[in-house]
Amino acid sequence: MRNLIEFLQRYLYWLVFLVLEVISLLSLVRYNSYQGSVVFTTANEVVGTAYRMGSNVVAYFHLGEENAALETENELLRKQLHDLQQQMRQMNVVPDSLPVNEEQSESDYRFVQAQVCSMTLHKANNLMTIDKGERDGVRPEMGVVSSNGVVGIVYLTSQHYSIVIPLLNQHSQTSCRLRGSEYFGTMQWERGDADYSYVNGIPRHAQVKKGDWIETNGFSDIFPEGIPVGKVVKIGDSVDGMAYRLTVKLSVDFKTLRNVSVITNYSKPERRLLEQKADSLMMVSEE
């Protein structure tokens, strides 16, 4: 109590001055319309700025939720597009046929959303860890994509996590084609820039130009056809000069990649079993 009294005695004049100033300002604003409008306008601007800053902070902390929602929407759109493409192909083969059913369509696949936990970018054999595993239905050799295109292939799994071999790995080989054509090749990354990879095997009689899209061709049982891989930025020759060597800017920005999706049931057991049987027969005949 004594400290409070000493404080009031020491700063009494300043306190009286501040009280009188407040009373004067209130009187000025209340009884003078011009000054009042200026004060209220300024106050509104200050309050509006404060609210806007607060809103931006809240929006920032909700970016993760918004990205996840966008990823879900993109997954749905990708699946719908692939379903439509399959139906159009079916109609071209049998003009009077009805849309393909679930047993006929290879597009009947599901996505499991995941987030990137860790990833390297500039090693020769980069790896990525995601936060979904066997408990979520993820298994080795499943394709991983993002809203922008191909990411990689699941390599190892545990109950709650998975290791992915991304496109930025020298062991990664992705079968792909020129969009709008049947010319295909193989994409393989070379250690260096995380934005670019290379496609070999496109024949020289193919009409290729800068800006052409490279996409999956559906030859494997990992990725459906038509998923973007990247854009051609440079056209060169292969070592033997018999094909093109294309420099491709990847459609996925691995430096900022956070949300991905695992294609959990695109693989056709019947197709894989038949191909494995054919391989075993070839081995027997060679012996």
Protein backbone atom coordinates (compact mmCIF):
# COMPACT_ATOMS: atom_id res chain seq x y z
CA MET A 1 0.00 0.00 0.00
CA ARG A 2 2.79 2.39 0.87
CA ASN A 3 4.42 1.70 -2.50
CA LEU A 4 1.21 2.65 -4.25
CA ILE A 5 0.97 5.91 -2.30
CA GLU A 6 4.59 6.73 -3.12
CA PHE A 7 3.94 6.00 -6.78
CA LEU A 8 0.89 8.30 -6.87
CA GLN A 9 2.78 11.08 -5.09
CA ARG A 10 5.71 10.79 -7.49
CA TYR A 11 3.65 10.74 -10.70
CA LEU A 12 0.58 12.69 -9.56
CA TYR A 13 1.11 15.58 -11.97
CA TRP A 14 1.60 13.24 -14.90
CA LEU A 15 -1.54 11.31 -14.05
CA VAL A 16 -3.58 14.51 -13.76
CA PHE A 17 -2.14 15.65 -17.11
CA LEU A 18 -3.13 12.39 -18.83
CA VAL A 19 -6.66 12.49 -17.39
CA LEU A 20 -7.16 16.05 -18.58
CA GLU A 21 -5.78 15.16 -22.03
CA VAL A 22 -8.24 12.28 -22.35
CA ILE A 23 -11.13 14.51 -21.27
CA SER A 24 -10.07 17.16 -23.77
CA LEU A 25 -9.82 14.67 -26.65
CA LEU A 26 -13.20 13.18 -25.82
CA SER A 27 -14.77 16.65 -25.74
CA LEU A 28 -13.09 17.58 -29.02
CA VAL A 29 -14.34 14.45 -30.76
CA ARG A 30 -17.81 14.62 -29.28
CA TYR A 31 -18.59 18.29 -29.97
CA ASN A 32 -16.73 18.76 -33.28
CA SER A 33 -18.02 16.70 -36.22
CA TYR A 34 -14.91 17.06 -38.42
CA GLN A 35 -12.43 16.01 -35.76
CA GLY A 36 -14.77 13.20 -34.74
CA SER A 37 -14.95 11.81 -38.27
CA VAL A 38 -11.15 11.91 -38.61
CA VAL A 39 -10.69 10.05 -35.33
CA PHE A 40 -13.29 7.40 -36.13
CA THR A 41 -11.89 6.86 -39.63
CA THR A 42 -8.40 6.41 -38.26
CA ALA A 43 -9.67 4.09 -35.56
CA ASN A 44 -11.51 1.97 -38.13
CA GLU A 45 -8.35 1.68 -40.23
CA VAL A 46 -6.32 0.61 -37.20
CA VAL A 47 -8.92 -1.94 -36.12
CA GLY A 48 -9.31 -3.23 -39.69
CA THR A 49 -5.57 -3.68 -40.02
CA ALA A 50 -5.45 -5.54 -36.73
CA TYR A 51 -8.33 -7.83 -37.78
CA ARG A 52 -6.67 -8.47 -41.17
CA MET A 53 -3.39 -9.39 -39.51
CA GLY A 54 -5.19 -11.71 -37.13
CA SER A 55 -7.08 -13.30 -40.01
CA ASN A 56 -3.84 -13.86 -41.91
CA VAL A 57 -2.29 -15.54 -38.89
CA VAL A 58 -5.30 -17.84 -38.48
CA ALA A 59 -5.31 -18.63 -42.22
CA TYR A 60 -1.62 -19.50 -42.07
CA PHE A 61 -2.20 -22.08 -39.35
CA HIS A 62 -5.04 -23.59 -41.39
CA LEU A 63 -3.01 -24.01 -44.59
CA GLY A 64 -2.40 -27.67 -43.82
CA GLU A 65 -6.13 -28.38 -43.63
CA GLU A 66 -6.79 -26.45 -46.83
CA ASN A 67 -4.03 -28.29 -48.67
CA ALA A 68 -5.43 -31.62 -47.53
CA ALA A 69 -8.90 -30.61 -48.75
CA LEU A 70 -7.50 -29.57 -52.12
CA GLU A 71 -5.59 -32.84 -52.39
CA THR A 72 -8.81 -34.78 -51.76
CA GLU A 73 -10.62 -32.79 -54.43
CA ASN A 74 -7.80 -33.32 -56.92
CA GLU A 75 -7.84 -37.06 -56.24
CA LEU A 76 -11.55 -37.20 -57.01
CA LEU A 77 -11.09 -35.21 -60.22
CA ARG A 78 -8.20 -37.43 -61.34
CA LYS A 79 -10.24 -40.55 -60.79
CA GLN A 80 -13.25 -39.10 -62.61
CA LEU A 81 -11.03 -38.11 -65.55
CA HIS A 82 -9.49 -41.56 -65.72
CA ASP A 83 -12.94 -43.20 -65.55
CA LEU A 84 -14.10 -41.02 -68.44
CA GLN A 85 -11.02 -41.88 -70.52
CA GLN A 86 -11.59 -45.60 -69.96
CA GLN A 87 -15.23 -45.30 -70.96
CA MET A 88 -14.32 -43.40 -74.12
CA ARG A 89 -11.81 -46.08 -75.10
CA GLN A 90 -14.40 -48.77 -74.46
CA MET A 91 -16.91 -46.94 -76.62
CA ASN A 92 -14.41 -46.65 -79.45
CA VAL A 93 -13.96 -50.42 -79.40
CA VAL A 94 -17.64 -51.29 -79.05
CA PRO A 95 -19.68 -48.25 -80.16
CA ASP A 96 -23.00 -49.54 -78.80
CA SER A 97 -21.61 -50.74 -75.49
CA LEU A 98 -22.63 -49.36 -72.15
CA PRO A 99 -20.12 -47.71 -69.81
CA VAL A 100 -17.69 -50.21 -68.34
CA ASN A 101 -18.62 -51.82 -65.04
CA GLU A 102 -16.46 -52.27 -61.99
CA GLU A 103 -15.06 -55.63 -63.14
CA GLN A 104 -13.99 -54.21 -66.50
CA SER A 105 -12.55 -50.91 -65.40
CA GLU A 106 -8.93 -50.66 -64.30
CA SER A 107 -9.74 -47.21 -62.96
CA ASP A 108 -11.51 -48.63 -59.92
CA TYR A 109 -8.75 -47.70 -57.50
CA ARG A 110 -8.49 -45.89 -54.18
CA PHE A 111 -6.20 -43.27 -52.72
CA VAL A 112 -4.69 -43.09 -49.25
CA GLN A 113 -3.69 -39.56 -48.31
CA ALA A 114 -0.33 -39.13 -46.63
CA GLN A 115 2.13 -36.44 -45.61
CA VAL A 116 5.84 -36.34 -46.27
CA CYS A 117 7.78 -36.76 -43.02
CA SER A 118 11.29 -36.48 -44.44
CA MET A 119 13.04 -36.51 -47.79
CA THR A 120 16.48 -36.00 -49.32
CA LEU A 121 16.94 -34.20 -52.62
CA HIS A 122 20.54 -34.18 -53.78
CA LYS A 123 21.83 -37.67 -53.06
CA ALA A 124 22.30 -40.20 -55.84
CA ASN A 125 19.52 -42.37 -54.38
CA ASN A 126 17.09 -40.14 -52.53
CA LEU A 127 14.38 -41.60 -50.32
CA MET A 128 11.14 -40.23 -48.90
CA THR A 129 9.28 -41.16 -45.72
CA ILE A 130 5.49 -40.79 -45.51
CA ASP A 131 3.20 -41.16 -42.50
CA LYS A 132 1.05 -44.04 -43.79
CA GLY A 133 1.89 -47.74 -43.70
CA GLU A 134 0.53 -51.28 -43.63
CA ARG A 135 -2.14 -50.35 -41.13
CA ASP A 136 -3.56 -47.95 -43.75
CA GLY A 137 -3.42 -50.48 -46.59
CA VAL A 138 -0.10 -49.32 -48.05
CA ARG A 139 2.17 -52.03 -49.49
CA PRO A 140 5.45 -52.09 -51.43
CA GLU A 141 5.28 -51.39 -55.19
CA MET A 142 2.28 -49.09 -54.91
CA GLY A 143 2.36 -45.83 -56.83
CA VAL A 144 2.62 -42.46 -55.07
CA VAL A 145 1.28 -39.30 -56.67
CA SER A 146 0.48 -35.70 -55.77
CA SER A 147 -2.01 -33.24 -57.19
CA ASN A 148 0.62 -32.30 -59.81
CA GLY A 149 1.75 -35.74 -60.96
CA VAL A 150 3.93 -38.78 -60.30
CA VAL A 151 6.00 -38.82 -57.10
CA GLY A 152 7.44 -42.34 -56.87
CA ILE A 153 6.90 -45.94 -55.74
CA VAL A 154 6.56 -47.41 -52.25
CA TYR A 155 9.68 -49.40 -51.36
CA LEU A 156 9.38 -50.49 -47.72
CA THR A 157 6.52 -50.37 -45.21
CA SER A 158 5.97 -50.63 -41.47
CA GLN A 159 2.73 -50.40 -39.53
CA HIS A 160 2.55 -46.61 -39.61
CA TYR A 161 5.20 -45.41 -42.10
CA SER A 162 6.48 -46.14 -45.59
CA ILE A 163 9.69 -45.49 -47.49
CA VAL A 164 9.17 -44.23 -51.04
CA ILE A 165 11.62 -44.27 -53.93
CA PRO A 166 10.87 -40.92 -55.60
CA LEU A 167 11.62 -39.95 -59.18
CA LEU A 168 14.76 -38.32 -57.75
CA ASN A 169 16.51 -41.67 -57.39
CA GLN A 170 18.89 -43.27 -59.88
CA HIS A 171 17.18 -46.63 -59.34
CA SER A 172 13.81 -45.17 -60.31
CA GLN A 173 12.72 -46.03 -63.85
CA THR A 174 9.28 -44.86 -64.90
CA SER A 175 7.69 -45.94 -68.17
CA CYS A 176 6.15 -42.90 -69.84
CA ARG A 177 5.03 -41.54 -73.19
CA LEU A 178 4.50 -38.35 -75.12
CA ARG A 179 0.99 -37.07 -74.43
CA GLY A 180 -1.26 -37.58 -77.43
CA SER A 181 0.95 -40.26 -79.00
CA GLU A 182 1.97 -43.88 -78.53
CA TYR A 183 5.70 -43.15 -78.45
CA PHE A 184 7.09 -44.22 -75.10
CA GLY A 185 10.38 -44.26 -73.26
CA THR A 186 11.87 -44.56 -69.79
CA MET A 187 12.47 -41.73 -67.35
CA GLN A 188 15.55 -41.89 -65.15
CA TRP A 189 16.97 -39.20 -62.90
CA GLU A 190 20.62 -38.25 -62.83
CA ARG A 191 22.09 -36.84 -59.66
CA GLY A 192 21.92 -33.05 -59.72
CA ASP A 193 18.99 -30.70 -60.13
CA ALA A 194 15.84 -31.78 -58.27
CA ASP A 195 13.64 -30.09 -60.89
CA TYR A 196 14.74 -32.07 -63.96
CA SER A 197 14.93 -35.66 -65.14
CA TYR A 198 15.57 -37.40 -68.47
CA VAL A 199 13.56 -39.60 -70.82
CA ASN A 200 15.36 -42.01 -73.13
CA GLY A 201 14.00 -44.26 -75.84
CA ILE A 202 11.63 -41.93 -77.72
CA PRO A 203 12.27 -42.77 -81.42
CA ARG A 204 13.73 -40.08 -83.63
CA HIS A 205 10.79 -40.19 -86.06
CA ALA A 206 8.48 -39.02 -83.27
CA GLN A 207 7.42 -35.41 -83.50
CA VAL A 208 8.69 -33.85 -80.29
CA LYS A 209 8.82 -30.18 -79.41
CA LYS A 210 9.56 -28.14 -76.31
CA GLY A 211 6.56 -27.81 -74.05
CA ASP A 212 5.19 -31.29 -74.83
CA TRP A 213 3.86 -33.16 -71.81
CA ILE A 214 5.29 -36.47 -70.65
CA GLU A 215 2.82 -38.77 -68.86
CA THR A 216 2.50 -42.36 -67.65
CA ASN A 217 1.58 -44.85 -70.35
CA GLY A 218 -0.17 -47.48 -68.22
CA PHE A 219 2.19 -50.30 -69.21
CA SER A 220 2.96 -51.12 -65.59
CA ASP A 221 0.48 -52.18 -62.93
CA ILE A 222 1.64 -49.36 -60.63
CA PHE A 223 0.37 -46.18 -62.31
CA PRO A 224 -2.72 -45.65 -64.44
CA GLU A 225 -2.05 -44.04 -67.77
CA GLY A 226 -2.28 -40.30 -68.24
CA ILE A 227 -0.74 -39.09 -64.97
CA PRO A 228 1.58 -36.09 -65.65
CA VAL A 229 5.30 -36.53 -65.17
CA GLY A 230 6.71 -33.31 -66.61
CA LYS A 231 7.27 -31.02 -69.61
CA VAL A 232 9.95 -31.28 -72.28
CA VAL A 233 12.41 -28.39 -72.00
CA LYS A 234 15.29 -29.69 -74.13
CA ILE A 235 15.59 -32.19 -76.99
CA GLY A 236 18.86 -34.06 -77.47
CA ASP A 237 20.19 -37.34 -78.83
CA SER A 238 20.84 -40.61 -77.05
CA VAL A 239 24.38 -41.96 -76.81
CA ASP A 240 23.92 -44.23 -79.85
CA GLY A 241 22.06 -41.53 -81.79
CA MET A 242 19.10 -43.85 -82.46
CA ALA A 243 16.63 -42.10 -80.16
CA TYR A 244 15.94 -38.84 -78.39
CA ARG A 245 17.18 -37.90 -74.96
CA LEU A 246 14.63 -35.49 -73.53
CA THR A 247 15.28 -33.16 -70.61
CA VAL A 248 12.03 -32.91 -68.66
CA LYS A 249 11.04 -30.39 -66.01
CA LEU A 250 9.20 -32.45 -63.43
CA SER A 251 5.60 -31.47 -62.75
CA VAL A 252 6.07 -32.15 -59.01
CA ASP A 253 8.11 -29.63 -57.03
CA PHE A 254 9.87 -31.97 -54.61
CA LYS A 255 11.39 -29.06 -52.67
CA THR A 256 7.96 -27.99 -51.41
CA LEU A 257 6.15 -31.35 -51.53
CA ARG A 258 4.11 -32.04 -48.39
CA ASN A 259 0.89 -33.88 -49.34
CA VAL A 260 0.87 -37.07 -51.40
CA SER A 261 -1.49 -39.97 -52.13
CA VAL A 262 -0.80 -43.69 -52.43
CA ILE A 263 -2.72 -45.63 -55.10
CA THR A 264 -3.63 -48.68 -53.04
CA ASN A 265 -5.48 -51.03 -55.37
CA TYR A 266 -4.72 -50.16 -58.97
CA SER A 267 -2.57 -53.28 -59.45
CA LYS A 268 -4.45 -56.14 -61.11
CA PRO A 269 -3.59 -59.48 -59.42
CA GLU A 270 -4.74 -61.40 -62.50
CA ARG A 271 -2.46 -59.41 -64.80
CA ARG A 272 0.55 -59.70 -62.51
CA LEU A 273 0.03 -63.44 -62.02
CA LEU A 274 -0.17 -63.99 -65.78
CA GLU A 275 2.99 -61.96 -66.42
CA GLN A 276 4.89 -63.84 -63.70
CA LYS A 277 3.75 -67.14 -65.20
CA ALA A 278 4.97 -66.03 -68.62
CA ASP A 279 8.34 -65.05 -67.17
CA SER A 280 8.72 -68.45 -65.51
CA LEU A 281 7.90 -70.22 -68.78
CA MET A 282 10.52 -68.17 -70.58
CA MET A 283 13.13 -69.11 -67.97
CA VAL A 284 12.28 -72.81 -68.36
CA SER A 285 12.52 -72.66 -72.16
CA GLU A 286 15.88 -70.91 -71.99
CA GLU A 287 17.25 -73.65 -69.75
